[in-house]
Each structure stands twice: as C-alpha cells, then as structure tokens.
Amino acid sequence: MFIAMNQFSVNPDRAGEFEDVWRGRESSLQGLDGFVQFSLLKGDDPGDYVSHTIWESREAFLAWAQSDDFRRAHAQAGPPEGVVDGHPRARFYEAVIVERGADAPAV
C-alpha cells in the first residue's frame, strides 16, 4: 500500500470555498489501475487540510502521476486567490504495517 498526501494551509475564513473546489472537481481516479481511495481531510487546527490518496503500490501512483489523467486533473482551476497560503506540502508513504477490522475489505 502506498499513500500520497498534500497538506494545505487554508485561510480559515475561506475554508468553505476550498472545500467547494474539491467537491466540484472532475475526478478520473475511479477505475484507474491500483487506485484504492481518495479523501479530503480537515484537521483540528483551523485551515489545516490534507488531500489523501491510497494506492495498491508506489508503481500504480507513479503511473497515474505520469498520465494524461493527472495532467488534466491538475490543470483544473484551483481555489480563488487568497484561499490557500502557498503551495501544498507533498508527502509520500509506504505502508509497513496495516491492521484491518474483522469486516474491513482487503486493499
């Protein structure tokens, strides 16, 4: 399992605008080889957000990151000026240990 995340610092007064951009985005992740899940996470600290994708492998993520789907997704209009402070901070992780609940589907 491979996890790719981008952390965003959002103007807390404009968090709704940021969330609306994500809700309205066109996504092509469904059906991609190796894609498992996407989440937009809101932290406890005001303005702290993380976009979070789970992939079956680093190779599956890299295949997407080098695809036309990736270029189209990242060419979409982002939030209006002043909503996000700076660029997102990217982080990538390989799963070392994974525990699932008894009824959770295998990834």
Protein backbone atom coordinates (compact mmCIF):
# COMPACT_ATOMS: atom_id res chain seq x y z
CA MET A 1 0.00 0.00 0.00
CA PHE A 2 1.22 3.48 -0.90
CA ILE A 3 -0.18 6.77 0.40
CA ALA A 4 0.28 10.16 -1.27
CA MET A 5 -0.76 13.30 0.59
CA ASN A 6 -0.70 17.05 0.05
CA GLN A 7 -1.05 19.32 3.08
CA PHE A 8 -2.70 22.69 2.52
CA SER A 9 -2.71 25.80 4.69
CA VAL A 10 -6.13 27.37 4.04
CA ASN A 11 -7.41 30.76 5.15
CA PRO A 12 -9.86 29.60 7.89
CA ASP A 13 -12.38 32.28 6.86
CA ARG A 14 -12.46 30.78 3.35
CA ALA A 15 -12.44 27.07 4.17
CA GLY A 16 -15.88 26.63 2.62
CA GLU A 17 -14.58 27.90 -0.73
CA PHE A 18 -11.67 25.45 -0.54
CA GLU A 19 -13.99 22.52 0.18
CA ASP A 20 -16.34 23.57 -2.64
CA VAL A 21 -13.48 23.49 -5.16
CA TRP A 22 -12.73 19.90 -4.17
CA ARG A 23 -16.41 18.90 -4.21
CA GLY A 24 -16.83 20.34 -7.69
CA ARG A 25 -13.67 18.95 -9.21
CA GLU A 26 -13.78 16.49 -12.08
CA SER A 27 -12.08 13.29 -10.95
CA SER A 28 -10.83 10.43 -13.09
CA LEU A 29 -9.47 8.36 -10.22
CA GLN A 30 -12.28 5.80 -10.26
CA GLY A 31 -11.32 2.88 -12.45
CA LEU A 32 -7.58 3.63 -12.50
CA ASP A 33 -5.38 0.58 -12.03
CA GLY A 34 -4.19 0.45 -8.44
CA PHE A 35 -6.34 3.33 -7.11
CA VAL A 36 -7.98 2.48 -3.77
CA GLN A 37 -9.35 5.64 -2.14
CA PHE A 38 -9.33 9.45 -2.06
CA SER A 39 -10.14 11.59 0.99
CA LEU A 40 -10.01 15.29 1.72
CA LEU A 41 -9.17 15.57 5.41
CA LYS A 42 -9.83 18.58 7.63
CA GLY A 43 -7.53 18.88 10.64
CA ASP A 44 -8.34 20.09 14.14
CA ASP A 45 -6.28 23.25 13.59
CA PRO A 46 -8.18 25.91 11.60
CA GLY A 47 -7.16 25.88 7.94
CA ASP A 48 -5.30 22.56 8.08
CA TYR A 49 -6.33 20.25 5.18
CA VAL A 50 -4.80 17.18 3.57
CA SER A 51 -5.70 15.52 0.28
CA HIS A 52 -5.03 11.82 0.75
CA THR A 53 -4.92 9.04 -1.82
CA ILE A 54 -4.31 5.35 -1.21
CA TRP A 55 -2.84 3.19 -3.96
CA GLU A 56 -2.09 -0.53 -4.18
CA SER A 57 1.58 0.33 -4.86
CA ARG A 58 4.01 3.16 -5.49
CA GLU A 59 4.16 1.98 -9.12
CA ALA A 60 0.38 2.47 -9.51
CA PHE A 61 0.67 6.00 -8.11
CA LEU A 62 3.61 6.85 -10.38
CA ALA A 63 1.76 5.52 -13.43
CA TRP A 64 -1.10 7.91 -12.63
CA ALA A 65 1.28 10.80 -11.82
CA GLN A 66 2.81 10.44 -15.30
CA SER A 67 -0.52 10.11 -17.13
CA ASP A 68 -2.73 12.46 -19.14
CA ASP A 69 -5.40 11.98 -16.43
CA PHE A 70 -3.01 13.51 -13.89
CA ARG A 71 -2.21 16.46 -16.17
CA ARG A 72 -5.92 17.12 -16.80
CA ALA A 73 -6.75 16.89 -13.09
CA HIS A 74 -4.03 19.36 -12.16
CA ALA A 75 -4.91 21.75 -14.98
CA GLN A 76 -8.34 22.41 -13.44
CA ALA A 77 -8.91 25.76 -11.81
CA GLY A 78 -7.88 25.74 -8.17
CA PRO A 79 -9.28 27.81 -5.35
CA PRO A 80 -9.54 31.58 -5.80
CA GLU A 81 -6.54 33.69 -4.87
CA GLY A 82 -6.10 34.12 -1.12
CA VAL A 83 -7.83 30.86 -0.14
CA VAL A 84 -4.63 28.81 0.16
CA ASP A 85 -1.40 30.13 1.65
CA GLY A 86 1.47 28.97 -0.57
CA HIS A 87 1.89 25.61 -2.26
CA PRO A 88 0.76 22.32 -0.76
CA ARG A 89 3.35 20.21 1.02
CA ALA A 90 3.60 16.76 -0.60
CA ARG A 91 4.29 13.65 1.47
CA PHE A 92 4.56 10.01 0.37
CA TYR A 93 4.46 6.87 2.50
CA GLU A 94 4.84 3.11 2.03
CA ALA A 95 2.73 1.05 4.42
CA VAL A 96 4.89 -1.01 6.75
CA ILE A 97 2.16 -2.46 8.97
CA VAL A 98 -1.55 -2.50 8.16
CA GLU A 99 -4.25 -3.71 10.57
CA ARG A 100 -7.84 -4.01 9.49
CA GLY A 101 -11.08 -4.55 11.33
CA ALA A 102 -12.60 -8.02 11.04
CA ASP A 103 -15.17 -6.83 8.48
CA ALA A 104 -12.94 -4.40 6.56
CA PRO A 105 -12.28 -5.23 2.92
CA ALA A 106 -8.72 -6.11 1.94
CA VAL A 107 -6.87 -3.47 -0.07
